[in-house]
Amino acid sequence: MHTPTRQLPVLLACVLLGASFSPPAAFAQPGPCCVVSDNGSGTADHPPGCPNGYSGQMAIVTGLPAGATIDIAAVIVNFAGLTQVPGGNLGGNRENWSAVAPLMLTGTGALLGFNRNINLPISAGESHSAPRIPFSPSQSFATDLWSLQGQIVGDPDFDLLRITAGSGFGYPSPGGTIFTQSGGGWAVDSFFDITYRIDFIGAPGSPLAGHSGSTVGTYRFGMCHDRPTPARRATWGSVKSFYR
């Protein structure tokens, strides 16, 4: 049967309207970002061992050519050698571990075109966590990144690149974690509001030659966190240059 042309827009509108009210069950529901194993105590280890780690942003601002920055997409991942003992500044556990911090560095301004990928080793990290109720199906507790430091020396672009963070170094880095029971494991939602300091010395012959300095900033590093926005909107507090 021939449909009059003037009726086609009406039919199309009905089809689109019907599609917009399709039952939610027609759409696939996303699963948890990361589920970690129970550690045998009715909870999971902290920091969680999610393969994507904690991700966030950093920047080098001080000591560079005028108007230039080095933006850093950073991850803290591959937690290893974890030990958990009672204590810490939150009255729960003190956690010691090692990790790796892959860094993606991108220059701006006079450093446009500068791009590097660097894996920064973290040999002696420490975090603290508040008490939680074992076997409770939802466990929400405060955390604190107490200390994190890693550095490289003798790099083609950096005679020194060092990142220092954590409350134990005077850079407050509070956070929080929620473990939610999921099957036989625990779905993760975790973050730290990390305050960090980046010290650098440019290597001779590199685009950073003759430059050095120290920058302090704060950013929210999230692991499966539902609001991965900055703790403070990309405000970088600068400290006077070092090593000149």
C-alpha atoms as a PDB file:
ATOM      1  CA  MET A   1       0.000   0.000   0.000  1.00  0.00           C
ATOM      2  CA  HIS A   2       1.337   3.421  -0.902  1.00  0.00           C
ATOM      3  CA  THR A   3       1.904   5.749   2.050  1.00  0.00           C
ATOM      4  CA  PRO A   4       1.275   9.441   1.326  1.00  0.00           C
ATOM      5  CA  THR A   5       4.493  11.426   1.515  1.00  0.00           C
ATOM      6  CA  ARG A   6       3.027  13.851   4.051  1.00  0.00           C
ATOM      7  CA  GLN A   7       2.533  10.974   6.538  1.00  0.00           C
ATOM      8  CA  LEU A   8       6.189   9.894   6.545  1.00  0.00           C
ATOM      9  CA  PRO A   9       7.390  12.527   9.064  1.00  0.00           C
ATOM     10  CA  VAL A  10       4.607  11.459  11.447  1.00  0.00           C
ATOM     11  CA  LEU A  11       5.530   7.778  11.162  1.00  0.00           C
ATOM     12  CA  LEU A  12       9.219   8.556  11.653  1.00  0.00           C
ATOM     13  CA  ALA A  13       8.472  10.579  14.793  1.00  0.00           C
ATOM     14  CA  CYS A  14       6.457   7.674  16.211  1.00  0.00           C
ATOM     15  CA  VAL A  15       9.308   5.244  15.583  1.00  0.00           C
ATOM     16  CA  LEU A  16      11.849   7.536  17.278  1.00  0.00           C
ATOM     17  CA  LEU A  17       9.518   8.177  20.211  1.00  0.00           C
ATOM     18  CA  GLY A  18       8.988   4.463  20.708  1.00  0.00           C
ATOM     19  CA  ALA A  19      12.740   3.836  20.630  1.00  0.00           C
ATOM     20  CA  SER A  20      13.355   6.506  23.261  1.00  0.00           C
ATOM     21  CA  PHE A  21      11.001   4.671  25.653  1.00  0.00           C
ATOM     22  CA  SER A  22      12.474   1.216  25.166  1.00  0.00           C
ATOM     23  CA  PRO A  23      12.722  -0.679  28.480  1.00  0.00           C
ATOM     24  CA  PRO A  24      16.076  -0.299  30.284  1.00  0.00           C
ATOM     25  CA  ALA A  25      16.438  -4.080  30.163  1.00  0.00           C
ATOM     26  CA  ALA A  26      17.037  -3.769  26.425  1.00  0.00           C
ATOM     27  CA  PHE A  27      20.426  -2.166  27.104  1.00  0.00           C
ATOM     28  CA  ALA A  28      23.491  -3.970  28.433  1.00  0.00           C
ATOM     29  CA  GLN A  29      24.310  -2.970  31.995  1.00  0.00           C
ATOM     30  CA  PRO A  30      27.992  -2.251  32.625  1.00  0.00           C
ATOM     31  CA  GLY A  31      29.715  -4.348  35.272  1.00  0.00           C
ATOM     32  CA  PRO A  32      32.067  -3.123  37.986  1.00  0.00           C
ATOM     33  CA  CYS A  33      35.251  -1.431  36.809  1.00  0.00           C
ATOM     34  CA  CYS A  34      37.387  -3.822  38.857  1.00  0.00           C
ATOM     35  CA  VAL A  35      36.695  -6.741  41.198  1.00  0.00           C
ATOM     36  CA  VAL A  36      39.519  -7.872  43.491  1.00  0.00           C
ATOM     37  CA  SER A  37      39.798 -11.082  45.470  1.00  0.00           C
ATOM     38  CA  ASP A  38      38.872 -11.505  49.113  1.00  0.00           C
ATOM     39  CA  ASN A  39      42.062 -11.735  51.180  1.00  0.00           C
ATOM     40  CA  GLY A  40      40.574 -14.381  53.480  1.00  0.00           C
ATOM     41  CA  SER A  41      39.552 -11.871  56.132  1.00  0.00           C
ATOM     42  CA  GLY A  42      36.183 -10.797  54.772  1.00  0.00           C
ATOM     43  CA  THR A  43      37.644  -7.825  52.936  1.00  0.00           C
ATOM     44  CA  ALA A  44      40.208  -6.993  50.235  1.00  0.00           C
ATOM     45  CA  ASP A  45      43.777  -5.763  50.374  1.00  0.00           C
ATOM     46  CA  HIS A  46      44.439  -2.035  50.256  1.00  0.00           C
ATOM     47  CA  PRO A  47      45.677  -0.482  48.016  1.00  0.00           C
ATOM     48  CA  PRO A  48      43.549  -2.591  45.650  1.00  0.00           C
ATOM     49  CA  GLY A  49      45.339  -4.503  42.916  1.00  0.00           C
ATOM     50  CA  CYS A  50      43.241  -3.255  39.994  1.00  0.00           C
ATOM     51  CA  PRO A  51      45.177  -3.550  36.720  1.00  0.00           C
ATOM     52  CA  ASN A  52      44.475   0.057  35.683  1.00  0.00           C
ATOM     53  CA  GLY A  53      45.778   1.525  38.949  1.00  0.00           C
ATOM     54  CA  TYR A  54      45.153   5.081  40.148  1.00  0.00           C
ATOM     55  CA  SER A  55      45.139   7.645  37.326  1.00  0.00           C
ATOM     56  CA  GLY A  56      45.343  11.426  37.423  1.00  0.00           C
ATOM     57  CA  GLN A  57      47.186  14.496  36.188  1.00  0.00           C
ATOM     58  CA  MET A  58      50.319  16.379  37.176  1.00  0.00           C
ATOM     59  CA  ALA A  59      52.257  19.257  35.660  1.00  0.00           C
ATOM     60  CA  ILE A  60      55.688  20.886  35.681  1.00  0.00           C
ATOM     61  CA  VAL A  61      55.287  24.661  35.657  1.00  0.00           C
ATOM     62  CA  THR A  62      58.171  26.281  37.530  1.00  0.00           C
ATOM     63  CA  GLY A  63      61.628  26.557  35.989  1.00  0.00           C
ATOM     64  CA  LEU A  64      60.612  26.136  32.339  1.00  0.00           C
ATOM     65  CA  PRO A  65      60.819  28.688  29.493  1.00  0.00           C
ATOM     66  CA  ALA A  66      58.285  31.506  29.879  1.00  0.00           C
ATOM     67  CA  GLY A  67      54.752  30.336  29.162  1.00  0.00           C
ATOM     68  CA  ALA A  68      55.724  26.669  28.783  1.00  0.00           C
ATOM     69  CA  THR A  69      54.450  23.737  30.833  1.00  0.00           C
ATOM     70  CA  ILE A  70      54.916  19.983  30.807  1.00  0.00           C
ATOM     71  CA  ASP A  71      51.571  18.267  31.339  1.00  0.00           C
ATOM     72  CA  ILE A  72      51.780  14.763  32.794  1.00  0.00           C
ATOM     73  CA  ALA A  73      49.176  12.014  32.551  1.00  0.00           C
ATOM     74  CA  ALA A  74      50.177   9.751  35.448  1.00  0.00           C
ATOM     75  CA  VAL A  75      49.209   6.321  36.732  1.00  0.00           C
ATOM     76  CA  ILE A  76      50.188   4.535  39.962  1.00  0.00           C
ATOM     77  CA  VAL A  77      49.972   0.812  39.245  1.00  0.00           C
ATOM     78  CA  ASN A  78      51.496  -2.646  39.722  1.00  0.00           C
ATOM     79  CA  PHE A  79      51.397  -2.633  43.521  1.00  0.00           C
ATOM     80  CA  ALA A  80      53.723  -5.347  44.822  1.00  0.00           C
ATOM     81  CA  GLY A  81      55.291  -6.548  48.078  1.00  0.00           C
ATOM     82  CA  LEU A  82      52.278  -5.379  50.075  1.00  0.00           C
ATOM     83  CA  THR A  83      52.472  -5.679  53.851  1.00  0.00           C
ATOM     84  CA  GLN A  84      49.586  -4.636  56.129  1.00  0.00           C
ATOM     85  CA  VAL A  85      50.035  -4.186  59.863  1.00  0.00           C
ATOM     86  CA  PRO A  86      47.902  -2.429  62.501  1.00  0.00           C
ATOM     87  CA  GLY A  87      48.753   1.246  62.881  1.00  0.00           C
ATOM     88  CA  GLY A  88      48.899   4.371  60.771  1.00  0.00           C
ATOM     89  CA  ASN A  89      47.359   7.778  61.335  1.00  0.00           C
ATOM     90  CA  LEU A  90      43.769   6.545  60.795  1.00  0.00           C
ATOM     91  CA  GLY A  91      43.741   3.863  63.489  1.00  0.00           C
ATOM     92  CA  GLY A  92      43.429   0.932  61.087  1.00  0.00           C
ATOM     93  CA  ASN A  93      46.265  -0.430  58.950  1.00  0.00           C
ATOM     94  CA  ARG A  94      49.623   0.808  57.808  1.00  0.00           C
ATOM     95  CA  GLU A  95      50.391  -0.503  54.313  1.00  0.00           C
ATOM     96  CA  ASN A  96      53.806  -0.652  52.676  1.00  0.00           C
ATOM     97  CA  TRP A  97      54.311  -1.484  49.006  1.00  0.00           C
ATOM     98  CA  SER A  98      56.219  -0.822  45.827  1.00  0.00           C
ATOM     99  CA  ALA A  99      54.673   0.314  42.546  1.00  0.00           C
ATOM    100  CA  VAL A 100      55.384   1.811  39.148  1.00  0.00           C
ATOM    101  CA  ALA A 101      54.249   5.238  37.914  1.00  0.00           C
ATOM    102  CA  PRO A 102      54.010   5.375  34.105  1.00  0.00           C
ATOM    103  CA  LEU A 103      54.172   9.040  33.066  1.00  0.00           C
ATOM    104  CA  MET A 104      53.158  10.538  29.724  1.00  0.00           C
ATOM    105  CA  LEU A 105      54.827  13.959  29.414  1.00  0.00           C
ATOM    106  CA  THR A 106      53.591  16.527  26.881  1.00  0.00           C
ATOM    107  CA  GLY A 107      55.143  19.959  26.424  1.00  0.00           C
ATOM    108  CA  THR A 108      53.242  23.176  25.687  1.00  0.00           C
ATOM    109  CA  GLY A 109      54.289  26.647  24.593  1.00  0.00           C
ATOM    110  CA  ALA A 110      58.011  26.795  23.819  1.00  0.00           C
ATOM    111  CA  LEU A 111      58.162  23.043  24.551  1.00  0.00           C
ATOM    112  CA  LEU A 112      55.446  22.134  22.034  1.00  0.00           C
ATOM    113  CA  GLY A 113      56.494  18.843  20.444  1.00  0.00           C
ATOM    114  CA  PHE A 114      58.247  17.562  23.550  1.00  0.00           C
ATOM    115  CA  ASN A 115      56.774  14.119  24.283  1.00  0.00           C
ATOM    116  CA  ARG A 116      58.126  11.415  26.574  1.00  0.00           C
ATOM    117  CA  ASN A 117      56.935   8.219  28.215  1.00  0.00           C
ATOM    118  CA  ILE A 118      58.764   7.424  31.454  1.00  0.00           C
ATOM    119  CA  ASN A 119      58.218   4.602  33.947  1.00  0.00           C
ATOM    120  CA  LEU A 120      59.035   5.977  37.380  1.00  0.00           C
ATOM    121  CA  PRO A 121      59.807   3.291  39.993  1.00  0.00           C
ATOM    122  CA  ILE A 122      58.209   3.696  43.437  1.00  0.00           C
ATOM    123  CA  SER A 123      60.331   1.528  45.714  1.00  0.00           C
ATOM    124  CA  ALA A 124      58.918   2.385  49.163  1.00  0.00           C
ATOM    125  CA  GLY A 125      55.318   3.614  49.131  1.00  0.00           C
ATOM    126  CA  GLU A 126      53.124   3.773  52.219  1.00  0.00           C
ATOM    127  CA  SER A 127      49.399   4.297  52.723  1.00  0.00           C
ATOM    128  CA  HIS A 128      47.117   4.214  55.764  1.00  0.00           C
ATOM    129  CA  SER A 129      43.519   3.031  56.007  1.00  0.00           C
ATOM    130  CA  ALA A 130      40.828   3.419  58.656  1.00  0.00           C
ATOM    131  CA  PRO A 131      39.151   0.385  60.249  1.00  0.00           C
ATOM    132  CA  ARG A 132      36.419  -1.396  58.308  1.00  0.00           C
ATOM    133  CA  ILE A 133      33.949  -4.123  59.279  1.00  0.00           C
ATOM    134  CA  PRO A 134      35.024  -7.478  57.826  1.00  0.00           C
ATOM    135  CA  PHE A 135      32.356  -9.449  55.942  1.00  0.00           C
ATOM    136  CA  SER A 136      30.090  -6.402  55.688  1.00  0.00           C
ATOM    137  CA  PRO A 137      28.745  -6.343  52.090  1.00  0.00           C
ATOM    138  CA  SER A 138      29.661  -2.659  51.718  1.00  0.00           C
ATOM    139  CA  GLN A 139      32.830  -1.330  53.366  1.00  0.00           C
ATOM    140  CA  SER A 140      33.532   2.402  53.156  1.00  0.00           C
ATOM    141  CA  PHE A 141      36.622   3.761  54.893  1.00  0.00           C
ATOM    142  CA  ALA A 142      38.999   6.725  54.876  1.00  0.00           C
ATOM    143  CA  THR A 143      42.515   6.374  53.514  1.00  0.00           C
ATOM    144  CA  ASP A 144      45.661   8.470  53.356  1.00  0.00           C
ATOM    145  CA  LEU A 145      48.605   8.321  50.977  1.00  0.00           C
ATOM    146  CA  TRP A 146      51.377   8.690  53.524  1.00  0.00           C
ATOM    147  CA  SER A 147      54.476   8.585  51.353  1.00  0.00           C
ATOM    148  CA  LEU A 148      55.388   8.119  47.720  1.00  0.00           C
ATOM    149  CA  GLN A 149      58.676   9.006  46.099  1.00  0.00           C
ATOM    150  CA  GLY A 150      60.323   7.992  42.873  1.00  0.00           C
ATOM    151  CA  GLN A 151      63.077   9.424  40.724  1.00  0.00           C
ATOM    152  CA  ILE A 152      65.227   8.879  37.668  1.00  0.00           C
ATOM    153  CA  VAL A 153      68.705  10.290  37.055  1.00  0.00           C
ATOM    154  CA  GLY A 154      70.940  10.357  34.000  1.00  0.00           C
ATOM    155  CA  ASP A 155      68.029  10.420  31.549  1.00  0.00           C
ATOM    156  CA  PRO A 156      68.564  11.999  28.090  1.00  0.00           C
ATOM    157  CA  ASP A 157      66.166  14.823  29.052  1.00  0.00           C
ATOM    158  CA  PHE A 158      66.474  14.886  32.848  1.00  0.00           C
ATOM    159  CA  ASP A 159      69.585  14.854  34.982  1.00  0.00           C
ATOM    160  CA  LEU A 160      66.961  14.483  37.721  1.00  0.00           C
ATOM    161  CA  LEU A 161      63.220  13.927  37.699  1.00  0.00           C
ATOM    162  CA  ARG A 162      61.762  13.276  41.139  1.00  0.00           C
ATOM    163  CA  ILE A 163      58.168  13.081  42.377  1.00  0.00           C
ATOM    164  CA  THR A 164      57.440  13.319  46.094  1.00  0.00           C
ATOM    165  CA  ALA A 165      53.934  13.007  47.522  1.00  0.00           C
ATOM    166  CA  GLY A 166      52.054  12.142  50.682  1.00  0.00           C
ATOM    167  CA  SER A 167      51.126  13.405  54.117  1.00  0.00           C
ATOM    168  CA  GLY A 168      54.328  12.055  55.666  1.00  0.00           C
ATOM    169  CA  PHE A 169      56.326  14.467  53.498  1.00  0.00           C
ATOM    170  CA  GLY A 170      54.077  17.402  54.416  1.00  0.00           C
ATOM    171  CA  TYR A 171      51.899  17.109  51.293  1.00  0.00           C
ATOM    172  CA  PRO A 172      48.399  16.110  52.563  1.00  0.00           C
ATOM    173  CA  SER A 173      46.890  13.354  50.397  1.00  0.00           C
ATOM    174  CA  PRO A 174      43.634  12.069  51.949  1.00  0.00           C
ATOM    175  CA  GLY A 175      41.365   9.627  50.192  1.00  0.00           C
ATOM    176  CA  GLY A 176      38.633   7.086  50.542  1.00  0.00           C
ATOM    177  CA  THR A 177      37.761   3.564  49.401  1.00  0.00           C
ATOM    178  CA  ILE A 178      34.562   1.564  49.081  1.00  0.00           C
ATOM    179  CA  PHE A 179      34.610  -2.229  48.731  1.00  0.00           C
ATOM    180  CA  THR A 180      31.253  -3.653  47.633  1.00  0.00           C
ATOM    181  CA  GLN A 181      30.709  -7.401  47.684  1.00  0.00           C
ATOM    182  CA  SER A 182      30.526  -8.782  44.149  1.00  0.00           C
ATOM    183  CA  GLY A 183      30.305 -12.559  43.808  1.00  0.00           C
ATOM    184  CA  GLY A 184      33.235 -13.958  45.742  1.00  0.00           C
ATOM    185  CA  GLY A 185      35.229 -10.725  45.502  1.00  0.00           C
ATOM    186  CA  TRP A 186      34.974  -6.977  46.021  1.00  0.00           C
ATOM    187  CA  ALA A 187      34.101  -4.239  43.536  1.00  0.00           C
ATOM    188  CA  VAL A 188      36.421  -1.248  43.971  1.00  0.00           C
ATOM    189  CA  ASP A 189      35.835   2.511  44.201  1.00  0.00           C
ATOM    190  CA  SER A 190      38.926   4.305  45.491  1.00  0.00           C
ATOM    191  CA  PHE A 191      40.701   7.663  45.261  1.00  0.00           C
ATOM    192  CA  PHE A 192      43.441   9.834  46.765  1.00  0.00           C
ATOM    193  CA  ASP A 193      43.563  13.640  46.579  1.00  0.00           C
ATOM    194  CA  ILE A 194      47.307  13.650  46.015  1.00  0.00           C
ATOM    195  CA  THR A 195      49.437  16.688  46.751  1.00  0.00           C
ATOM    196  CA  TYR A 196      52.796  16.248  45.058  1.00  0.00           C
ATOM    197  CA  ARG A 197      56.061  18.033  44.361  1.00  0.00           C
ATOM    198  CA  ILE A 198      57.997  17.545  41.133  1.00  0.00           C
ATOM    199  CA  ASP A 199      61.698  18.472  41.123  1.00  0.00           C
ATOM    200  CA  PHE A 200      63.630  18.421  37.871  1.00  0.00           C
ATOM    201  CA  ILE A 201      67.000  19.327  36.382  1.00  0.00           C
ATOM    202  CA  GLY A 202      67.244  19.409  32.597  1.00  0.00           C
ATOM    203  CA  ALA A 203      69.991  17.390  30.936  1.00  0.00           C
ATOM    204  CA  PRO A 204      72.613  19.066  28.717  1.00  0.00           C
ATOM    205  CA  GLY A 205      71.754  18.810  25.045  1.00  0.00           C
ATOM    206  CA  SER A 206      68.041  18.315  25.712  1.00  0.00           C
ATOM    207  CA  PRO A 207      65.173  20.815  25.241  1.00  0.00           C
ATOM    208  CA  LEU A 208      65.314  21.254  29.037  1.00  0.00           C
ATOM    209  CA  ALA A 209      69.017  22.098  29.202  1.00  0.00           C
ATOM    210  CA  GLY A 210      69.697  24.958  31.605  1.00  0.00           C
ATOM    211  CA  HIS A 211      66.314  24.668  33.278  1.00  0.00           C
ATOM    212  CA  SER A 212      65.430  23.365  36.735  1.00  0.00           C
ATOM    213  CA  GLY A 213      62.750  23.905  39.306  1.00  0.00           C
ATOM    214  CA  SER A 214      60.098  22.563  41.624  1.00  0.00           C
ATOM    215  CA  THR A 215      56.307  22.591  41.223  1.00  0.00           C
ATOM    216  CA  VAL A 216      53.649  21.652  43.775  1.00  0.00           C
ATOM    217  CA  GLY A 217      50.102  20.674  42.786  1.00  0.00           C
ATOM    218  CA  THR A 218      47.058  18.700  43.910  1.00  0.00           C
ATOM    219  CA  TYR A 219      44.900  16.378  41.826  1.00  0.00           C
ATOM    220  CA  ARG A 220      42.425  13.573  42.462  1.00  0.00           C
ATOM    221  CA  PHE A 221      43.793  10.179  41.459  1.00  0.00           C
ATOM    222  CA  GLY A 222      40.980   7.687  41.031  1.00  0.00           C
ATOM    223  CA  MET A 223      40.722   3.918  40.748  1.00  0.00           C
ATOM    224  CA  CYS A 224      37.279   3.033  39.382  1.00  0.00           C
ATOM    225  CA  HIS A 225      36.062   6.220  41.070  1.00  0.00           C
ATOM    226  CA  ASP A 226      32.705   7.578  39.889  1.00  0.00           C
ATOM    227  CA  ARG A 227      33.743  11.243  40.076  1.00  0.00           C
ATOM    228  CA  PRO A 228      37.306  11.442  38.696  1.00  0.00           C
ATOM    229  CA  THR A 229      37.404  15.243  38.789  1.00  0.00           C
ATOM    230  CA  PRO A 230      40.230  17.317  40.270  1.00  0.00           C
ATOM    231  CA  ALA A 231      40.211  17.870  44.006  1.00  0.00           C
ATOM    232  CA  ARG A 232      41.020  21.455  43.147  1.00  0.00           C
ATOM    233  CA  ARG A 233      40.555  22.744  39.634  1.00  0.00           C
ATOM    234  CA  ALA A 234      44.036  22.385  38.116  1.00  0.00           C
ATOM    235  CA  THR A 235      45.598  25.017  40.353  1.00  0.00           C
ATOM    236  CA  TRP A 236      49.347  24.602  40.568  1.00  0.00           C
ATOM    237  CA  GLY A 237      51.068  26.117  43.622  1.00  0.00           C
ATOM    238  CA  SER A 238      54.640  26.886  42.742  1.00  0.00           C
ATOM    239  CA  VAL A 239      57.666  26.755  44.972  1.00  0.00           C
ATOM    240  CA  LYS A 240      60.783  28.716  44.140  1.00  0.00           C
ATOM    241  CA  SER A 241      63.253  26.992  41.845  1.00  0.00           C
ATOM    242  CA  PHE A 242      65.779  24.535  43.229  1.00  0.00           C
ATOM    243  CA  TYR A 243      69.232  23.496  42.104  1.00  0.00           C
ATOM    244  CA  ARG A 244      70.093  26.702  40.260  1.00  0.00           C
END
